[in-house]
Amino acid sequence: VWNTYGKTEVSYTIKDLKESLSKYAGKHFGSEFFENYI
């Protein structure tokens, strides 16, 4: 998240955080975490 949004100082949305998690841990993992807990 830092490399994508922090170093570039491009502000993020909640959707961006979800997509970043899916990119890192897999689409199923990212979707399940956000759908259930966020």
All heavy atoms as atom14 arrays in JSON, in Angstrom:
{
  "sequence": "VWNTYGKTEVSYTIKDLKESLSKYAGKHFGSEFFENYI",
  "atom14_mask": [
    [1, 1, 1, 1, 1, 1, 1, 0, 0, 0, 0, 0, 0, 0],
    [1, 1, 1, 1, 1, 1, 1, 1, 1, 1, 1, 1, 1, 1],
    [1, 1, 1, 1, 1, 1, 1, 1, 0, 0, 0, 0, 0, 0],
    [1, 1, 1, 1, 1, 1, 1, 0, 0, 0, 0, 0, 0, 0],
    [1, 1, 1, 1, 1, 1, 1, 1, 1, 1, 1, 1, 0, 0],
    [1, 1, 1, 1, 0, 0, 0, 0, 0, 0, 0, 0, 0, 0],
    [1, 1, 1, 1, 1, 1, 1, 1, 1, 0, 0, 0, 0, 0],
    [1, 1, 1, 1, 1, 1, 1, 0, 0, 0, 0, 0, 0, 0],
    [1, 1, 1, 1, 1, 1, 1, 1, 1, 0, 0, 0, 0, 0],
    [1, 1, 1, 1, 1, 1, 1, 0, 0, 0, 0, 0, 0, 0],
    [1, 1, 1, 1, 1, 1, 0, 0, 0, 0, 0, 0, 0, 0],
    [1, 1, 1, 1, 1, 1, 1, 1, 1, 1, 1, 1, 0, 0],
    [1, 1, 1, 1, 1, 1, 1, 0, 0, 0, 0, 0, 0, 0],
    [1, 1, 1, 1, 1, 1, 1, 1, 0, 0, 0, 0, 0, 0],
    [1, 1, 1, 1, 1, 1, 1, 1, 1, 0, 0, 0, 0, 0],
    [1, 1, 1, 1, 1, 1, 1, 1, 0, 0, 0, 0, 0, 0],
    [1, 1, 1, 1, 1, 1, 1, 1, 0, 0, 0, 0, 0, 0],
    [1, 1, 1, 1, 1, 1, 1, 1, 1, 0, 0, 0, 0, 0],
    [1, 1, 1, 1, 1, 1, 1, 1, 1, 0, 0, 0, 0, 0],
    [1, 1, 1, 1, 1, 1, 0, 0, 0, 0, 0, 0, 0, 0],
    [1, 1, 1, 1, 1, 1, 1, 1, 0, 0, 0, 0, 0, 0],
    [1, 1, 1, 1, 1, 1, 0, 0, 0, 0, 0, 0, 0, 0],
    [1, 1, 1, 1, 1, 1, 1, 1, 1, 0, 0, 0, 0, 0],
    [1, 1, 1, 1, 1, 1, 1, 1, 1, 1, 1, 1, 0, 0],
    [1, 1, 1, 1, 1, 0, 0, 0, 0, 0, 0, 0, 0, 0],
    [1, 1, 1, 1, 0, 0, 0, 0, 0, 0, 0, 0, 0, 0],
    [1, 1, 1, 1, 1, 1, 1, 1, 1, 0, 0, 0, 0, 0],
    [1, 1, 1, 1, 1, 1, 1, 1, 1, 1, 0, 0, 0, 0],
    [1, 1, 1, 1, 1, 1, 1, 1, 1, 1, 1, 0, 0, 0],
    [1, 1, 1, 1, 0, 0, 0, 0, 0, 0, 0, 0, 0, 0],
    [1, 1, 1, 1, 1, 1, 0, 0, 0, 0, 0, 0, 0, 0],
    [1, 1, 1, 1, 1, 1, 1, 1, 1, 0, 0, 0, 0, 0],
    [1, 1, 1, 1, 1, 1, 1, 1, 1, 1, 1, 0, 0, 0],
    [1, 1, 1, 1, 1, 1, 1, 1, 1, 1, 1, 0, 0, 0],
    [1, 1, 1, 1, 1, 1, 1, 1, 1, 0, 0, 0, 0, 0],
    [1, 1, 1, 1, 1, 1, 1, 1, 0, 0, 0, 0, 0, 0],
    [1, 1, 1, 1, 1, 1, 1, 1, 1, 1, 1, 1, 0, 0],
    [1, 1, 1, 1, 1, 1, 1, 1, 0, 0, 0, 0, 0, 0]
  ],
  "atom14_positions": [
    [[0.84, -1.2, 0.0], [0.0, 0.0, 0.0], [0.88, 1.25, 0.0], [0.59, 2.23, -0.69], [-0.95, -0.01, 1.22], [-1.71, 1.31, 1.32], [-1.94, -1.17, 1.12], [0.0, 0.0, 0.0], [0.0, 0.0, 0.0], [0.0, 0.0, 0.0], [0.0, 0.0, 0.0], [0.0, 0.0, 0.0], [0.0, 0.0, 0.0], [0.0, 0.0, 0.0]],
    [[1.97, 1.21, 0.75], [2.9, 2.33, 0.8], [3.48, 2.61, -0.59], [3.51, 3.75, -1.05], [4.0, 2.05, 1.8], [5.23, 2.91, 1.66], [6.47, 2.52, 1.26], [5.33, 4.31, 1.94], [7.34, 3.58, 1.25], [6.66, 4.7, 1.67], [4.42, 5.28, 2.38], [7.11, 6.01, 1.83], [4.87, 6.59, 2.54], [6.19, 6.94, 2.27]],
    [[3.95, 1.58, -1.24], [4.58, 1.76, -2.55], [3.59, 2.26, -3.6], [3.95, 3.02, -4.5], [5.21, 0.45, -3.02], [6.47, 0.11, -2.24], [7.2, 0.99, -1.8], [6.72, -1.18, -2.03], [0.0, 0.0, 0.0], [0.0, 0.0, 0.0], [0.0, 0.0, 0.0], [0.0, 0.0, 0.0], [0.0, 0.0, 0.0], [0.0, 0.0, 0.0]],
    [[2.33, 1.84, -3.46], [1.32, 2.22, -4.46], [0.73, 3.6, -4.19], [0.58, 4.41, -5.11], [0.18, 1.18, -4.48], [0.73, -0.12, -4.69], [-0.83, 1.5, -5.59], [0.0, 0.0, 0.0], [0.0, 0.0, 0.0], [0.0, 0.0, 0.0], [0.0, 0.0, 0.0], [0.0, 0.0, 0.0], [0.0, 0.0, 0.0], [0.0, 0.0, 0.0]],
    [[0.42, 3.89, -2.93], [-0.3, 5.11, -2.61], [0.5, 6.11, -1.75], [0.23, 7.31, -1.8], [-1.61, 4.78, -1.89], [-2.5, 3.9, -2.72], [-2.63, 2.53, -2.45], [-3.2, 4.43, -3.8], [-3.44, 1.72, -3.23], [-4.01, 3.62, -4.59], [-4.11, 2.26, -4.31], [-4.9, 1.47, -5.09], [0.0, 0.0, 0.0], [0.0, 0.0, 0.0]],
    [[1.44, 5.61, -0.96], [2.17, 6.49, -0.06], [3.32, 7.21, -0.73], [3.41, 8.44, -0.7], [0.0, 0.0, 0.0], [0.0, 0.0, 0.0], [0.0, 0.0, 0.0], [0.0, 0.0, 0.0], [0.0, 0.0, 0.0], [0.0, 0.0, 0.0], [0.0, 0.0, 0.0], [0.0, 0.0, 0.0], [0.0, 0.0, 0.0], [0.0, 0.0, 0.0]],
    [[4.21, 6.47, -1.34], [5.38, 7.09, -2.0], [4.94, 8.01, -3.13], [5.55, 9.04, -3.39], [6.32, 6.0, -2.54], [7.06, 5.26, -1.46], [8.0, 4.23, -2.04], [9.18, 4.89, -2.74], [10.21, 3.89, -3.13], [0.0, 0.0, 0.0], [0.0, 0.0, 0.0], [0.0, 0.0, 0.0], [0.0, 0.0, 0.0], [0.0, 0.0, 0.0]],
    [[3.88, 7.61, -3.82], [3.36, 8.43, -4.94], [2.45, 9.53, -4.47], [2.13, 10.44, -5.23], [2.59, 7.53, -5.91], [1.48, 6.91, -5.21], [3.47, 6.44, -6.49], [0.0, 0.0, 0.0], [0.0, 0.0, 0.0], [0.0, 0.0, 0.0], [0.0, 0.0, 0.0], [0.0, 0.0, 0.0], [0.0, 0.0, 0.0], [0.0, 0.0, 0.0]],
    [[1.99, 9.45, -3.2], [1.03, 10.38, -2.61], [-0.21, 10.53, -3.48], [-0.71, 11.63, -3.71], [1.7, 11.73, -2.31], [2.83, 11.57, -1.3], [3.17, 12.85, -0.56], [2.23, 13.53, -0.11], [4.37, 13.15, -0.43], [0.0, 0.0, 0.0], [0.0, 0.0, 0.0], [0.0, 0.0, 0.0], [0.0, 0.0, 0.0], [0.0, 0.0, 0.0]],
    [[-0.7, 9.37, -3.94], [-1.99, 9.29, -4.62], [-2.99, 8.77, -3.6], [-2.85, 7.65, -3.1], [-1.92, 8.35, -5.84], [-3.3, 8.18, -6.46], [-0.91, 8.87, -6.87], [0.0, 0.0, 0.0], [0.0, 0.0, 0.0], [0.0, 0.0, 0.0], [0.0, 0.0, 0.0], [0.0, 0.0, 0.0], [0.0, 0.0, 0.0], [0.0, 0.0, 0.0]],
    [[-3.99, 9.56, -3.25], [-4.92, 9.16, -2.21], [-5.71, 7.92, -2.61], [-5.94, 7.66, -3.79], [-5.87, 10.31, -1.88], [-6.59, 10.72, -3.02], [0.0, 0.0, 0.0], [0.0, 0.0, 0.0], [0.0, 0.0, 0.0], [0.0, 0.0, 0.0], [0.0, 0.0, 0.0], [0.0, 0.0, 0.0], [0.0, 0.0, 0.0], [0.0, 0.0, 0.0]],
    [[-6.11, 7.13, -1.61], [-6.77, 5.85, -1.87], [-8.24, 5.88, -1.46], [-8.66, 6.71, -0.66], [-6.05, 4.73, -1.11], [-6.2, 4.84, 0.41], [-7.33, 4.34, 1.07], [-5.21, 5.44, 1.18], [-7.46, 4.44, 2.45], [-5.34, 5.55, 2.56], [-6.47, 5.04, 3.19], [-6.61, 5.15, 4.54], [0.0, 0.0, 0.0], [0.0, 0.0, 0.0]],
    [[-8.99, 4.93, -2.01], [-10.37, 4.67, -1.6], [-10.41, 3.31, -0.9], [-9.44, 2.54, -0.95], [-11.31, 4.65, -2.81], [-10.94, 3.55, -3.66], [-11.21, 5.96, -3.6], [0.0, 0.0, 0.0], [0.0, 0.0, 0.0], [0.0, 0.0, 0.0], [0.0, 0.0, 0.0], [0.0, 0.0, 0.0], [0.0, 0.0, 0.0], [0.0, 0.0, 0.0]],
    [[-11.54, 2.99, -0.28], [-11.69, 1.67, 0.34], [-11.61, 0.58, -0.72], [-11.02, -0.48, -0.49], [-13.02, 1.61, 1.12], [-12.99, 2.6, 2.28], [-13.27, 0.19, 1.64], [-14.3, 2.75, 3.01], [0.0, 0.0, 0.0], [0.0, 0.0, 0.0], [0.0, 0.0, 0.0], [0.0, 0.0, 0.0], [0.0, 0.0, 0.0], [0.0, 0.0, 0.0]],
    [[-12.15, 0.85, -1.88], [-12.04, -0.1, -2.99], [-10.59, -0.35, -3.35], [-10.19, -1.49, -3.64], [-12.81, 0.42, -4.2], [-12.78, -0.52, -5.4], [-13.53, 0.08, -6.59], [-13.45, -0.83, -7.81], [-14.12, -0.22, -8.98], [0.0, 0.0, 0.0], [0.0, 0.0, 0.0], [0.0, 0.0, 0.0], [0.0, 0.0, 0.0], [0.0, 0.0, 0.0]],
    [[-9.77, 0.69, -3.3], [-8.34, 0.53, -3.59], [-7.68, -0.4, -2.57], [-6.83, -1.23, -2.93], [-7.64, 1.89, -3.55], [-8.04, 2.78, -4.71], [-8.38, 2.26, -5.79], [-8.03, 4.02, -4.52], [0.0, 0.0, 0.0], [0.0, 0.0, 0.0], [0.0, 0.0, 0.0], [0.0, 0.0, 0.0], [0.0, 0.0, 0.0], [0.0, 0.0, 0.0]],
    [[-8.04, -0.26, -1.29], [-7.47, -1.12, -0.27], [-7.86, -2.57, -0.5], [-7.04, -3.49, -0.33], [-7.93, -0.67, 1.12], [-7.47, 0.7, 1.61], [-8.07, 1.01, 2.97], [-5.94, 0.78, 1.67], [0.0, 0.0, 0.0], [0.0, 0.0, 0.0], [0.0, 0.0, 0.0], [0.0, 0.0, 0.0], [0.0, 0.0, 0.0], [0.0, 0.0, 0.0]],
    [[-9.1, -2.79, -0.88], [-9.56, -4.15, -1.17], [-8.81, -4.73, -2.36], [-8.34, -5.89, -2.31], [-11.07, -4.13, -1.45], [-11.64, -5.5, -1.82], [-13.12, -5.4, -2.16], [-13.66, -6.76, -2.63], [-15.09, -6.68, -3.0], [0.0, 0.0, 0.0], [0.0, 0.0, 0.0], [0.0, 0.0, 0.0], [0.0, 0.0, 0.0], [0.0, 0.0, 0.0]],
    [[-8.68, -3.96, -3.41], [-7.98, -4.46, -4.6], [-6.5, -4.71, -4.31], [-5.91, -5.66, -4.84], [-8.14, -3.46, -5.74], [-9.57, -3.4, -6.28], [-9.75, -2.38, -7.39], [-8.79, -1.6, -7.62], [-10.83, -2.35, -8.0], [0.0, 0.0, 0.0], [0.0, 0.0, 0.0], [0.0, 0.0, 0.0], [0.0, 0.0, 0.0], [0.0, 0.0, 0.0]],
    [[-5.93, -3.88, -3.45], [-4.53, -4.08, -3.09], [-4.34, -5.36, -2.29], [-3.37, -6.1, -2.49], [-4.03, -2.87, -2.28], [-2.63, -2.93, -2.1], [0.0, 0.0, 0.0], [0.0, 0.0, 0.0], [0.0, 0.0, 0.0], [0.0, 0.0, 0.0], [0.0, 0.0, 0.0], [0.0, 0.0, 0.0], [0.0, 0.0, 0.0], [0.0, 0.0, 0.0]],
    [[-5.29, -5.65, -1.39], [-5.23, -6.9, -0.63], [-5.41, -8.1, -1.56], [-4.73, -9.13, -1.41], [-6.27, -6.91, 0.48], [-6.26, -8.14, 1.4], [-4.92, -8.29, 2.1], [-7.4, -8.05, 2.42], [0.0, 0.0, 0.0], [0.0, 0.0, 0.0], [0.0, 0.0, 0.0], [0.0, 0.0, 0.0], [0.0, 0.0, 0.0], [0.0, 0.0, 0.0]],
    [[-6.32, -7.99, -2.5], [-6.55, -9.07, -3.46], [-5.31, -9.32, -4.31], [-4.96, -10.46, -4.63], [-7.75, -8.75, -4.36], [-8.94, -8.68, -3.6], [0.0, 0.0, 0.0], [0.0, 0.0, 0.0], [0.0, 0.0, 0.0], [0.0, 0.0, 0.0], [0.0, 0.0, 0.0], [0.0, 0.0, 0.0], [0.0, 0.0, 0.0], [0.0, 0.0, 0.0]],
    [[-4.64, -8.26, -4.67], [-3.41, -8.38, -5.45], [-2.33, -9.08, -4.64], [-1.57, -9.9, -5.17], [-2.94, -6.99, -5.89], [-1.64, -6.99, -6.68], [-1.22, -5.57, -7.04], [0.11, -5.57, -7.79], [0.54, -4.18, -8.12], [0.0, 0.0, 0.0], [0.0, 0.0, 0.0], [0.0, 0.0, 0.0], [0.0, 0.0, 0.0], [0.0, 0.0, 0.0]],
    [[-2.28, -8.78, -3.34], [-1.24, -9.34, -2.48], [-1.54, -10.78, -2.07], [-0.67, -11.65, -2.13], [-1.05, -8.47, -1.25], [-0.1, -9.04, -0.22], [1.24, -9.25, -0.54], [-0.54, -9.38, 1.06], [2.12, -9.79, 0.39], [0.34, -9.91, 1.99], [1.67, -10.13, 1.65], [2.53, -10.66, 2.57], [0.0, 0.0, 0.0], [0.0, 0.0, 0.0]],
    [[-2.79, -11.05, -1.65], [-3.12, -12.34, -1.03], [-4.05, -13.19, -1.88], [-4.39, -14.31, -1.46], [-3.74, -12.11, 0.34], [0.0, 0.0, 0.0], [0.0, 0.0, 0.0], [0.0, 0.0, 0.0], [0.0, 0.0, 0.0], [0.0, 0.0, 0.0], [0.0, 0.0, 0.0], [0.0, 0.0, 0.0], [0.0, 0.0, 0.0], [0.0, 0.0, 0.0]],
    [[-4.48, -12.69, -3.01], [-5.41, -13.44, -3.85], [-6.8, -12.84, -3.81], [-7.23, -12.31, -2.77], [0.0, 0.0, 0.0], [0.0, 0.0, 0.0], [0.0, 0.0, 0.0], [0.0, 0.0, 0.0], [0.0, 0.0, 0.0], [0.0, 0.0, 0.0], [0.0, 0.0, 0.0], [0.0, 0.0, 0.0], [0.0, 0.0, 0.0], [0.0, 0.0, 0.0]],
    [[-7.5, -12.93, -4.92], [-8.81, -12.3, -5.03], [-9.8, -12.85, -4.02], [-10.57, -12.11, -3.41], [-9.35, -12.47, -6.45], [-10.64, -11.74, -6.71], [-11.07, -11.84, -8.17], [-12.36, -11.07, -8.41], [-12.78, -11.17, -9.85], [0.0, 0.0, 0.0], [0.0, 0.0, 0.0], [0.0, 0.0, 0.0], [0.0, 0.0, 0.0], [0.0, 0.0, 0.0]],
    [[-9.8, -14.17, -3.83], [-10.74, -14.78, -2.88], [-10.48, -14.28, -1.47], [-11.43, -13.91, -0.75], [-10.64, -16.3, -2.93], [-11.51, -16.98, -1.91], [-12.88, -17.06, -2.03], [-11.19, -17.58, -0.72], [-13.38, -17.69, -0.98], [-12.38, -18.02, -0.17], [0.0, 0.0, 0.0], [0.0, 0.0, 0.0], [0.0, 0.0, 0.0], [0.0, 0.0, 0.0]],
    [[-9.21, -14.25, -1.07], [-8.86, -13.8, 0.29], [-9.29, -12.35, 0.48], [-9.93, -12.0, 1.48], [-7.36, -13.94, 0.51], [-6.92, -13.6, 1.91], [-6.67, -14.6, 2.83], [-6.73, -12.28, 2.33], [-6.26, -14.29, 4.13], [-6.34, -11.96, 3.61], [-6.1, -12.97, 4.52], [0.0, 0.0, 0.0], [0.0, 0.0, 0.0], [0.0, 0.0, 0.0]],
    [[-8.94, -11.48, -0.48], [-9.26, -10.07, -0.35], [-10.75, -9.81, -0.31], [-11.24, -9.04, 0.51], [0.0, 0.0, 0.0], [0.0, 0.0, 0.0], [0.0, 0.0, 0.0], [0.0, 0.0, 0.0], [0.0, 0.0, 0.0], [0.0, 0.0, 0.0], [0.0, 0.0, 0.0], [0.0, 0.0, 0.0], [0.0, 0.0, 0.0], [0.0, 0.0, 0.0]],
    [[-11.49, -10.48, -1.18], [-12.94, -10.3, -1.21], [-13.59, -10.78, 0.07], [-14.48, -10.12, 0.62], [-13.53, -11.04, -2.42], [-13.07, -10.49, -3.63], [0.0, 0.0, 0.0], [0.0, 0.0, 0.0], [0.0, 0.0, 0.0], [0.0, 0.0, 0.0], [0.0, 0.0, 0.0], [0.0, 0.0, 0.0], [0.0, 0.0, 0.0], [0.0, 0.0, 0.0]],
    [[-13.16, -11.94, 0.55], [-13.76, -12.51, 1.76], [-13.53, -11.61, 2.97], [-14.44, -11.36, 3.77], [-13.19, -13.9, 2.03], [-13.88, -14.62, 3.18], [-13.38, -16.04, 3.34], [-12.22, -16.21, 3.78], [-14.13, -16.97, 3.03], [0.0, 0.0, 0.0], [0.0, 0.0, 0.0], [0.0, 0.0, 0.0], [0.0, 0.0, 0.0], [0.0, 0.0, 0.0]],
    [[-12.31, -11.08, 3.12], [-12.02, -10.21, 4.27], [-12.87, -8.95, 4.23], [-13.5, -8.58, 5.23], [-10.53, -9.85, 4.3], [-10.16, -9.0, 5.49], [-9.9, -9.59, 6.72], [-10.1, -7.61, 5.4], [-9.59, -8.81, 7.83], [-9.79, -6.82, 6.49], [-9.53, -7.43, 7.71], [0.0, 0.0, 0.0], [0.0, 0.0, 0.0], [0.0, 0.0, 0.0]],
    [[-12.92, -8.3, 3.09], [-13.67, -7.03, 3.01], [-15.17, -7.26, 3.1], [-15.88, -6.49, 3.75], [-13.29, -6.27, 1.74], [-12.11, -5.37, 1.92], [-10.82, -5.87, 1.92], [-12.29, -4.01, 2.14], [-9.72, -5.05, 2.12], [-11.2, -3.17, 2.35], [-9.91, -3.69, 2.34], [0.0, 0.0, 0.0], [0.0, 0.0, 0.0], [0.0, 0.0, 0.0]],
    [[-15.67, -8.3, 2.43], [-17.12, -8.54, 2.45], [-17.61, -8.89, 3.84], [-18.68, -8.44, 4.27], [-17.48, -9.65, 1.46], [-17.29, -9.28, 0.0], [-18.13, -8.09, -0.43], [-19.24, -7.92, 0.11], [-17.66, -7.33, -1.29], [0.0, 0.0, 0.0], [0.0, 0.0, 0.0], [0.0, 0.0, 0.0], [0.0, 0.0, 0.0], [0.0, 0.0, 0.0]],
    [[-16.85, -9.66, 4.58], [-17.3, -10.13, 5.9], [-17.02, -9.15, 7.02], [-17.83, -9.01, 7.95], [-16.64, -11.47, 6.23], [-17.13, -12.59, 5.35], [-18.26, -12.56, 4.85], [-16.29, -13.6, 5.14], [0.0, 0.0, 0.0], [0.0, 0.0, 0.0], [0.0, 0.0, 0.0], [0.0, 0.0, 0.0], [0.0, 0.0, 0.0], [0.0, 0.0, 0.0]],
    [[-15.88, -8.46, 6.96], [-15.43, -7.72, 8.13], [-15.36, -6.2, 7.94], [-15.31, -5.48, 8.93], [-14.05, -8.23, 8.56], [-13.99, -9.73, 8.66], [-13.01, -10.46, 7.99], [-14.94, -10.43, 9.41], [-12.97, -11.84, 8.08], [-14.91, -11.82, 9.5], [-13.92, -12.52, 8.82], [-13.88, -13.89, 8.9], [0.0, 0.0, 0.0], [0.0, 0.0, 0.0]],
    [[-15.38, -5.73, 6.71], [-15.36, -4.28, 6.46], [-16.74, -3.8, 6.0], [-17.3, -2.87, 6.56], [-14.29, -3.91, 5.42], [-12.92, -4.44, 5.84], [-14.26, -2.39, 5.22], [-12.45, -3.97, 7.2], [0.0, 0.0, 0.0], [0.0, 0.0, 0.0], [0.0, 0.0, 0.0], [0.0, 0.0, 0.0], [0.0, 0.0, 0.0], [0.0, 0.0, 0.0]]
  ]
}
